[in-house]
Amino acid sequence: MDSFWFKPKAYGWGVGLPIIWQGWVALLGFLILVLAFAFVDGVFMKTVPVGSYLRFTLDIITISILFCYIFQNKVEGGLKWRWGKG
């Protein structure tokens, strides 16, 4: 069964909220990765070097690109720029 996991955003580029459970699992996995990278990069420490913030930013950009690439066919209408309805 090849169904869509995410609604498209009304404005801009990207995915909206999940519409079936597989989308929610993918979103939860993404959030777990974000928290894991924050922990590994030391973002939760009391004193954080600037390099850790830069590394965390690059990690988030990388996993966001991978997330969009992997799930681009699971968005209703595909990933593209949208100007709203109407």
PDB file of N, CA and C in Angstrom:
ATOM      1  N   MET A   1       0.850  -1.181   0.000  1.00  0.00           N
ATOM      2  CA  MET A   1       0.000   0.000   0.000  1.00  0.00           C
ATOM      3  C   MET A   1       0.892   1.241   0.000  1.00  0.00           C
ATOM      4  N   ASP A   2       0.725   2.058  -1.003  1.00  0.00           N
ATOM      5  CA  ASP A   2       1.563   3.246  -1.148  1.00  0.00           C
ATOM      6  C   ASP A   2       0.720   4.490  -0.881  1.00  0.00           C
ATOM      7  N   SER A   3       0.631   4.875   0.390  1.00  0.00           N
ATOM      8  CA  SER A   3      -0.160   6.047   0.756  1.00  0.00           C
ATOM      9  C   SER A   3       0.760   7.167   1.232  1.00  0.00           C
ATOM     10  N   PHE A   4       0.196   8.348   1.309  1.00  0.00           N
ATOM     11  CA  PHE A   4       0.968   9.510   1.753  1.00  0.00           C
ATOM     12  C   PHE A   4       1.024   9.545   3.272  1.00  0.00           C
ATOM     13  N   TRP A   5       2.168   9.973   3.806  1.00  0.00           N
ATOM     14  CA  TRP A   5       2.370  10.030   5.245  1.00  0.00           C
ATOM     15  C   TRP A   5       2.176  11.436   5.793  1.00  0.00           C
ATOM     16  N   PHE A   6       2.391  12.452   4.938  1.00  0.00           N
ATOM     17  CA  PHE A   6       2.367  13.839   5.402  1.00  0.00           C
ATOM     18  C   PHE A   6       1.472  14.686   4.508  1.00  0.00           C
ATOM     19  N   LYS A   7       0.851  15.715   5.135  1.00  0.00           N
ATOM     20  CA  LYS A   7       0.146  16.743   4.373  1.00  0.00           C
ATOM     21  C   LYS A   7       1.182  17.751   3.888  1.00  0.00           C
ATOM     22  N   PRO A   8       0.947  18.376   2.755  1.00  0.00           N
ATOM     23  CA  PRO A   8       1.863  19.441   2.334  1.00  0.00           C
ATOM     24  C   PRO A   8       1.586  20.719   3.117  1.00  0.00           C
ATOM     25  N   LYS A   9       2.600  21.557   3.226  1.00  0.00           N
ATOM     26  CA  LYS A   9       2.403  22.871   3.844  1.00  0.00           C
ATOM     27  C   LYS A   9       1.585  23.739   2.903  1.00  0.00           C
ATOM     28  N   ALA A  10       0.828  24.659   3.441  1.00  0.00           N
ATOM     29  CA  ALA A  10       0.033  25.560   2.612  1.00  0.00           C
ATOM     30  C   ALA A  10       0.912  26.614   1.950  1.00  0.00           C
ATOM     31  N   TYR A  11       1.903  27.104   2.662  1.00  0.00           N
ATOM     32  CA  TYR A  11       2.811  28.123   2.150  1.00  0.00           C
ATOM     33  C   TYR A  11       4.247  27.677   2.360  1.00  0.00           C
ATOM     34  N   GLY A  12       5.084  27.918   1.379  1.00  0.00           N
ATOM     35  CA  GLY A  12       6.492  27.583   1.515  1.00  0.00           C
ATOM     36  C   GLY A  12       6.810  26.183   1.026  1.00  0.00           C
ATOM     37  N   TRP A  13       7.992  25.704   1.438  1.00  0.00           N
ATOM     38  CA  TRP A  13       8.487  24.412   1.002  1.00  0.00           C
ATOM     39  C   TRP A  13       8.632  23.504   2.210  1.00  0.00           C
ATOM     40  N   GLY A  14       8.202  22.266   2.091  1.00  0.00           N
ATOM     41  CA  GLY A  14       8.374  21.324   3.178  1.00  0.00           C
ATOM     42  C   GLY A  14       7.125  20.513   3.442  1.00  0.00           C
ATOM     43  N   VAL A  15       7.162  19.779   4.554  1.00  0.00           N
ATOM     44  CA  VAL A  15       6.043  18.914   4.904  1.00  0.00           C
ATOM     45  C   VAL A  15       5.270  19.513   6.060  1.00  0.00           C
ATOM     46  N   GLY A  16       3.996  19.171   6.103  1.00  0.00           N
ATOM     47  CA  GLY A  16       3.150  19.586   7.211  1.00  0.00           C
ATOM     48  C   GLY A  16       3.054  18.462   8.227  1.00  0.00           C
ATOM     49  N   LEU A  17       1.940  18.372   8.885  1.00  0.00           N
ATOM     50  CA  LEU A  17       1.738  17.348   9.906  1.00  0.00           C
ATOM     51  C   LEU A  17       1.513  15.972   9.273  1.00  0.00           C
ATOM     52  N   PRO A  18       1.913  14.929   9.983  1.00  0.00           N
ATOM     53  CA  PRO A  18       1.637  13.570   9.504  1.00  0.00           C
ATOM     54  C   PRO A  18       0.135  13.297   9.470  1.00  0.00           C
ATOM     55  N   ILE A  19      -0.278  12.423   8.537  1.00  0.00           N
ATOM     56  CA  ILE A  19      -1.699  12.087   8.433  1.00  0.00           C
ATOM     57  C   ILE A  19      -1.965  10.618   8.739  1.00  0.00           C
ATOM     58  N   ILE A  20      -0.914   9.784   8.797  1.00  0.00           N
ATOM     59  CA  ILE A  20      -1.078   8.395   9.220  1.00  0.00           C
ATOM     60  C   ILE A  20       0.052   8.040  10.184  1.00  0.00           C
ATOM     61  N   TRP A  21      -0.064   6.892  10.819  1.00  0.00           N
ATOM     62  CA  TRP A  21       0.860   6.532  11.893  1.00  0.00           C
ATOM     63  C   TRP A  21       2.310   6.440  11.436  1.00  0.00           C
ATOM     64  N   GLN A  22       2.558   6.018  10.186  1.00  0.00           N
ATOM     65  CA  GLN A  22       3.937   5.930   9.707  1.00  0.00           C
ATOM     66  C   GLN A  22       4.605   7.303   9.699  1.00  0.00           C
ATOM     67  N   GLY A  23       3.842   8.327   9.385  1.00  0.00           N
ATOM     68  CA  GLY A  23       4.367   9.686   9.419  1.00  0.00           C
ATOM     69  C   GLY A  23       4.713  10.128  10.822  1.00  0.00           C
ATOM     70  N   TRP A  24       3.864   9.744  11.778  1.00  0.00           N
ATOM     71  CA  TRP A  24       4.142  10.091  13.173  1.00  0.00           C
ATOM     72  C   TRP A  24       5.394   9.379  13.677  1.00  0.00           C
ATOM     73  N   VAL A  25       5.591   8.130  13.253  1.00  0.00           N
ATOM     74  CA  VAL A  25       6.800   7.392  13.641  1.00  0.00           C
ATOM     75  C   VAL A  25       8.026   8.058  13.039  1.00  0.00           C
ATOM     76  N   ALA A  26       7.938   8.472  11.770  1.00  0.00           N
ATOM     77  CA  ALA A  26       9.061   9.150  11.122  1.00  0.00           C
ATOM     78  C   ALA A  26       9.372  10.478  11.822  1.00  0.00           C
ATOM     79  N   LEU A  27       8.340  11.229  12.184  1.00  0.00           N
ATOM     80  CA  LEU A  27       8.536  12.489  12.892  1.00  0.00           C
ATOM     81  C   LEU A  27       9.153  12.258  14.271  1.00  0.00           C
ATOM     82  N   LEU A  28       8.686  11.241  14.975  1.00  0.00           N
ATOM     83  CA  LEU A  28       9.261  10.906  16.269  1.00  0.00           C
ATOM     84  C   LEU A  28      10.732  10.506  16.129  1.00  0.00           C
ATOM     85  N   GLY A  29      11.054   9.737  15.091  1.00  0.00           N
ATOM     86  CA  GLY A  29      12.446   9.374  14.831  1.00  0.00           C
ATOM     87  C   GLY A  29      13.308  10.596  14.567  1.00  0.00           C
ATOM     88  N   PHE A  30      12.775  11.552  13.814  1.00  0.00           N
ATOM     89  CA  PHE A  30      13.494  12.798  13.542  1.00  0.00           C
ATOM     90  C   PHE A  30      13.764  13.553  14.841  1.00  0.00           C
ATOM     91  N   LEU A  31      12.747  13.663  15.690  1.00  0.00           N
ATOM     92  CA  LEU A  31      12.909  14.378  16.961  1.00  0.00           C
ATOM     93  C   LEU A  31      13.900  13.679  17.889  1.00  0.00           C
ATOM     94  N   ILE A  32      13.882  12.346  17.886  1.00  0.00           N
ATOM     95  CA  ILE A  32      14.858  11.594  18.683  1.00  0.00           C
ATOM     96  C   ILE A  32      16.268  11.858  18.178  1.00  0.00           C
ATOM     97  N   LEU A  33      16.447  11.917  16.863  1.00  0.00           N
ATOM     98  CA  LEU A  33      17.766  12.240  16.297  1.00  0.00           C
ATOM     99  C   LEU A  33      18.215  13.644  16.697  1.00  0.00           C
ATOM    100  N   VAL A  34      17.297  14.600  16.680  1.00  0.00           N
ATOM    101  CA  VAL A  34      17.641  15.967  17.084  1.00  0.00           C
ATOM    102  C   VAL A  34      18.123  15.987  18.529  1.00  0.00           C
ATOM    103  N   LEU A  35      17.394  15.326  19.413  1.00  0.00           N
ATOM    104  CA  LEU A  35      17.793  15.283  20.826  1.00  0.00           C
ATOM    105  C   LEU A  35      19.106  14.527  21.018  1.00  0.00           C
ATOM    106  N   ALA A  36      19.304  13.454  20.256  1.00  0.00           N
ATOM    107  CA  ALA A  36      20.551  12.692  20.362  1.00  0.00           C
ATOM    108  C   ALA A  36      21.741  13.536  19.927  1.00  0.00           C
ATOM    109  N   PHE A  37      21.605  14.261  18.812  1.00  0.00           N
ATOM    110  CA  PHE A  37      22.695  15.122  18.355  1.00  0.00           C
ATOM    111  C   PHE A  37      22.939  16.264  19.339  1.00  0.00           C
ATOM    112  N   ALA A  38      21.887  16.786  19.945  1.00  0.00           N
ATOM    113  CA  ALA A  38      22.065  17.846  20.942  1.00  0.00           C
ATOM    114  C   ALA A  38      22.852  17.322  22.132  1.00  0.00           C
ATOM    115  N   PHE A  39      22.545  16.106  22.547  1.00  0.00           N
ATOM    116  CA  PHE A  39      23.265  15.503  23.666  1.00  0.00           C
ATOM    117  C   PHE A  39      24.722  15.231  23.299  1.00  0.00           C
ATOM    118  N   VAL A  40      24.955  14.652  22.126  1.00  0.00           N
ATOM    119  CA  VAL A  40      26.317  14.319  21.687  1.00  0.00           C
ATOM    120  C   VAL A  40      27.148  15.584  21.485  1.00  0.00           C
ATOM    121  N   ASP A  41      26.540  16.620  20.935  1.00  0.00           N
ATOM    122  CA  ASP A  41      27.271  17.866  20.677  1.00  0.00           C
ATOM    123  C   ASP A  41      27.432  18.722  21.928  1.00  0.00           C
ATOM    124  N   GLY A  42      26.827  18.327  23.026  1.00  0.00           N
ATOM    125  CA  GLY A  42      27.007  19.038  24.288  1.00  0.00           C
ATOM    126  C   GLY A  42      26.181  20.297  24.431  1.00  0.00           C
ATOM    127  N   VAL A  43      25.062  20.382  23.741  1.00  0.00           N
ATOM    128  CA  VAL A  43      24.228  21.584  23.786  1.00  0.00           C
ATOM    129  C   VAL A  43      23.573  21.755  25.154  1.00  0.00           C
ATOM    130  N   PHE A  44      23.377  20.670  25.897  1.00  0.00           N
ATOM    131  CA  PHE A  44      22.700  20.743  27.189  1.00  0.00           C
ATOM    132  C   PHE A  44      23.646  21.037  28.352  1.00  0.00           C
ATOM    133  N   MET A  45      24.930  21.213  28.077  1.00  0.00           N
ATOM    134  CA  MET A  45      25.898  21.506  29.145  1.00  0.00           C
ATOM    135  C   MET A  45      25.738  22.953  29.610  1.00  0.00           C
ATOM    136  N   LYS A  46      26.221  23.249  30.828  1.00  0.00           N
ATOM    137  CA  LYS A  46      26.102  24.614  31.356  1.00  0.00           C
ATOM    138  C   LYS A  46      26.917  25.603  30.539  1.00  0.00           C
ATOM    139  N   THR A  47      28.150  25.253  30.218  1.00  0.00           N
ATOM    140  CA  THR A  47      28.979  26.111  29.368  1.00  0.00           C
ATOM    141  C   THR A  47      29.221  25.382  28.055  1.00  0.00           C
ATOM    142  N   VAL A  48      28.737  25.981  26.996  1.00  0.00           N
ATOM    143  CA  VAL A  48      28.808  25.343  25.685  1.00  0.00           C
ATOM    144  C   VAL A  48      29.721  26.163  24.784  1.00  0.00           C
ATOM    145  N   PRO A  49      30.762  25.542  24.240  1.00  0.00           N
ATOM    146  CA  PRO A  49      31.613  26.258  23.291  1.00  0.00           C
ATOM    147  C   PRO A  49      30.847  26.588  22.009  1.00  0.00           C
ATOM    148  N   VAL A  50      31.270  27.641  21.362  1.00  0.00           N
ATOM    149  CA  VAL A  50      30.612  28.066  20.115  1.00  0.00           C
ATOM    150  C   VAL A  50      30.695  26.962  19.072  1.00  0.00           C
ATOM    151  N   GLY A  51      31.780  26.223  19.055  1.00  0.00           N
ATOM    152  CA  GLY A  51      31.942  25.131  18.095  1.00  0.00           C
ATOM    153  C   GLY A  51      30.871  24.065  18.233  1.00  0.00           C
ATOM    154  N   SER A  52      30.396  23.847  19.453  1.00  0.00           N
ATOM    155  CA  SER A  52      29.336  22.864  19.661  1.00  0.00           C
ATOM    156  C   SER A  52      28.031  23.320  19.029  1.00  0.00           C
ATOM    157  N   TYR A  53      27.736  24.610  19.147  1.00  0.00           N
ATOM    158  CA  TYR A  53      26.533  25.135  18.494  1.00  0.00           C
ATOM    159  C   TYR A  53      26.637  25.038  16.976  1.00  0.00           C
ATOM    160  N   LEU A  54      27.812  25.318  16.443  1.00  0.00           N
ATOM    161  CA  LEU A  54      28.014  25.204  14.996  1.00  0.00           C
ATOM    162  C   LEU A  54      27.857  23.759  14.549  1.00  0.00           C
ATOM    163  N   ARG A  55      28.449  22.848  15.283  1.00  0.00           N
ATOM    164  CA  ARG A  55      28.346  21.421  14.953  1.00  0.00           C
ATOM    165  C   ARG A  55      26.881  20.972  15.026  1.00  0.00           C
ATOM    166  N   PHE A  56      26.153  21.397  16.050  1.00  0.00           N
ATOM    167  CA  PHE A  56      24.744  21.032  16.190  1.00  0.00           C
ATOM    168  C   PHE A  56      23.924  21.591  15.030  1.00  0.00           C
ATOM    169  N   THR A  57      24.198  22.822  14.643  1.00  0.00           N
ATOM    170  CA  THR A  57      23.493  23.428  13.509  1.00  0.00           C
ATOM    171  C   THR A  57      23.730  22.637  12.230  1.00  0.00           C
ATOM    172  N   LEU A  58      24.972  22.256  11.980  1.00  0.00           N
ATOM    173  CA  LEU A  58      25.288  21.462  10.784  1.00  0.00           C
ATOM    174  C   LEU A  58      24.629  20.086  10.843  1.00  0.00           C
ATOM    175  N   ASP A  59      24.588  19.492  12.030  1.00  0.00           N
ATOM    176  CA  ASP A  59      23.918  18.198  12.186  1.00  0.00           C
ATOM    177  C   ASP A  59      22.425  18.310  11.873  1.00  0.00           C
ATOM    178  N   ILE A  60      21.782  19.346  12.361  1.00  0.00           N
ATOM    179  CA  ILE A  60      20.345  19.532  12.122  1.00  0.00           C
ATOM    180  C   ILE A  60      20.067  19.777  10.638  1.00  0.00           C
ATOM    181  N   ILE A  61      20.895  20.580  10.002  1.00  0.00           N
ATOM    182  CA  ILE A  61      20.732  20.812   8.559  1.00  0.00           C
ATOM    183  C   ILE A  61      20.876  19.506   7.794  1.00  0.00           C
ATOM    184  N   THR A  62      21.867  18.701   8.169  1.00  0.00           N
ATOM    185  CA  THR A  62      22.108  17.434   7.484  1.00  0.00           C
ATOM    186  C   THR A  62      20.944  16.465   7.656  1.00  0.00           C
ATOM    187  N   ILE A  63      20.466  16.280   8.881  1.00  0.00           N
ATOM    188  CA  ILE A  63      19.381  15.319   9.057  1.00  0.00           C
ATOM    189  C   ILE A  63      18.064  15.842   8.474  1.00  0.00           C
ATOM    190  N   SER A  64      17.896  17.158   8.408  1.00  0.00           N
ATOM    191  CA  SER A  64      16.694  17.718   7.770  1.00  0.00           C
ATOM    192  C   SER A  64      16.705  17.447   6.274  1.00  0.00           C
ATOM    193  N   ILE A  65      17.856  17.621   5.644  1.00  0.00           N
ATOM    194  CA  ILE A  65      17.975  17.336   4.212  1.00  0.00           C
ATOM    195  C   ILE A  65      17.742  15.856   3.950  1.00  0.00           C
ATOM    196  N   LEU A  66      18.337  14.996   4.775  1.00  0.00           N
ATOM    197  CA  LEU A  66      18.131  13.554   4.615  1.00  0.00           C
ATOM    198  C   LEU A  66      16.669  13.171   4.823  1.00  0.00           C
ATOM    199  N   PHE A  67      16.028  13.758   5.825  1.00  0.00           N
ATOM    200  CA  PHE A  67      14.615  13.491   6.090  1.00  0.00           C
ATOM    201  C   PHE A  67      13.767  13.859   4.871  1.00  0.00           C
ATOM    202  N   CYS A  68      13.998  15.027   4.305  1.00  0.00           N
ATOM    203  CA  CYS A  68      13.234  15.467   3.133  1.00  0.00           C
ATOM    204  C   CYS A  68      13.511  14.582   1.923  1.00  0.00           C
ATOM    205  N   TYR A  69      14.768  14.188   1.740  1.00  0.00           N
ATOM    206  CA  TYR A  69      15.122  13.344   0.600  1.00  0.00           C
ATOM    207  C   TYR A  69      14.472  11.968   0.713  1.00  0.00           C
ATOM    208  N   ILE A  70      14.525  11.377   1.905  1.00  0.00           N
ATOM    209  CA  ILE A  70      13.996  10.033   2.089  1.00  0.00           C
ATOM    210  C   ILE A  70      12.474  10.011   1.972  1.00  0.00           C
ATOM    211  N   PHE A  71      11.803  11.028   2.509  1.00  0.00           N
ATOM    212  CA  PHE A  71      10.348  11.019   2.562  1.00  0.00           C
ATOM    213  C   PHE A  71       9.676  11.929   1.531  1.00  0.00           C
ATOM    214  N   GLN A  72      10.398  12.345   0.503  1.00  0.00           N
ATOM    215  CA  GLN A  72       9.812  13.248  -0.487  1.00  0.00           C
ATOM    216  C   GLN A  72       8.632  12.621  -1.232  1.00  0.00           C
ATOM    217  N   ASN A  73       8.628  11.318  -1.388  1.00  0.00           N
ATOM    218  CA  ASN A  73       7.516  10.659  -2.075  1.00  0.00           C
ATOM    219  C   ASN A  73       6.360  10.328  -1.141  1.00  0.00           C
ATOM    220  N   LYS A  74       6.476  10.671   0.119  1.00  0.00           N
ATOM    221  CA  LYS A  74       5.428  10.396   1.095  1.00  0.00           C
ATOM    222  C   LYS A  74       4.631  11.650   1.447  1.00  0.00           C
ATOM    223  N   VAL A  75       4.830  12.724   0.689  1.00  0.00           N
ATOM    224  CA  VAL A  75       4.086  13.966   0.885  1.00  0.00           C
ATOM    225  C   VAL A  75       3.039  14.072  -0.214  1.00  0.00           C
ATOM    226  N   GLU A  76       1.810  14.301   0.179  1.00  0.00           N
ATOM    227  CA  GLU A  76       0.737  14.427  -0.802  1.00  0.00           C
ATOM    228  C   GLU A  76       1.036  15.585  -1.753  1.00  0.00           C
ATOM    229  N   GLY A  77       1.228  15.274  -3.015  1.00  0.00           N
ATOM    230  CA  GLY A  77       1.562  16.292  -4.008  1.00  0.00           C
ATOM    231  C   GLY A  77       3.059  16.527  -4.152  1.00  0.00           C
ATOM    232  N   GLY A  78       3.877  15.852  -3.369  1.00  0.00           N
ATOM    233  CA  GLY A  78       5.328  15.987  -3.459  1.00  0.00           C
ATOM    234  C   GLY A  78       5.847  17.225  -2.750  1.00  0.00           C
ATOM    235  N   LEU A  79       7.161  17.273  -2.616  1.00  0.00           N
ATOM    236  CA  LEU A  79       7.798  18.442  -2.010  1.00  0.00           C
ATOM    237  C   LEU A  79       7.998  19.503  -3.076  1.00  0.00           C
ATOM    238  N   LYS A  80       7.386  20.619  -2.905  1.00  0.00           N
ATOM    239  CA  LYS A  80       7.546  21.740  -3.829  1.00  0.00           C
ATOM    240  C   LYS A  80       7.112  23.014  -3.113  1.00  0.00           C
ATOM    241  N   TRP A  81       7.433  24.132  -3.698  1.00  0.00           N
ATOM    242  CA  TRP A  81       7.035  25.420  -3.136  1.00  0.00           C
ATOM    243  C   TRP A  81       5.552  25.612  -3.363  1.00  0.00           C
ATOM    244  N   ARG A  82       4.860  26.077  -2.325  1.00  0.00           N
ATOM    245  CA  ARG A  82       3.412  26.310  -2.438  1.00  0.00           C
ATOM    246  C   ARG A  82       3.091  27.743  -2.025  1.00  0.00           C
ATOM    247  N   TRP A  83       2.130  28.322  -2.719  1.00  0.00           N
ATOM    248  CA  TRP A  83       1.718  29.709  -2.477  1.00  0.00           C
ATOM    249  C   TRP A  83       0.371  29.795  -1.787  1.00  0.00           C
ATOM    250  N   GLY A  84      -0.105  28.716  -1.248  1.00  0.00           N
ATOM    251  CA  GLY A  84      -1.391  28.723  -0.575  1.00  0.00           C
ATOM    252  C   GLY A  84      -2.493  28.213  -1.485  1.00  0.00           C
ATOM    253  N   LYS A  85      -3.672  28.169  -0.918  1.00  0.00           N
ATOM    254  CA  LYS A  85      -4.811  27.658  -1.681  1.00  0.00           C
ATOM    255  C   LYS A  85      -5.643  28.832  -2.175  1.00  0.00           C
ATOM    256  N   GLY A  86      -5.689  28.934  -3.453  1.00  0.00           N
ATOM    257  CA  GLY A  86      -6.625  29.877  -3.937  1.00  0.00           C
ATOM    258  C   GLY A  86      -6.197  31.030  -4.665  1.00  0.00           C
TER     259      GLY A  86
END
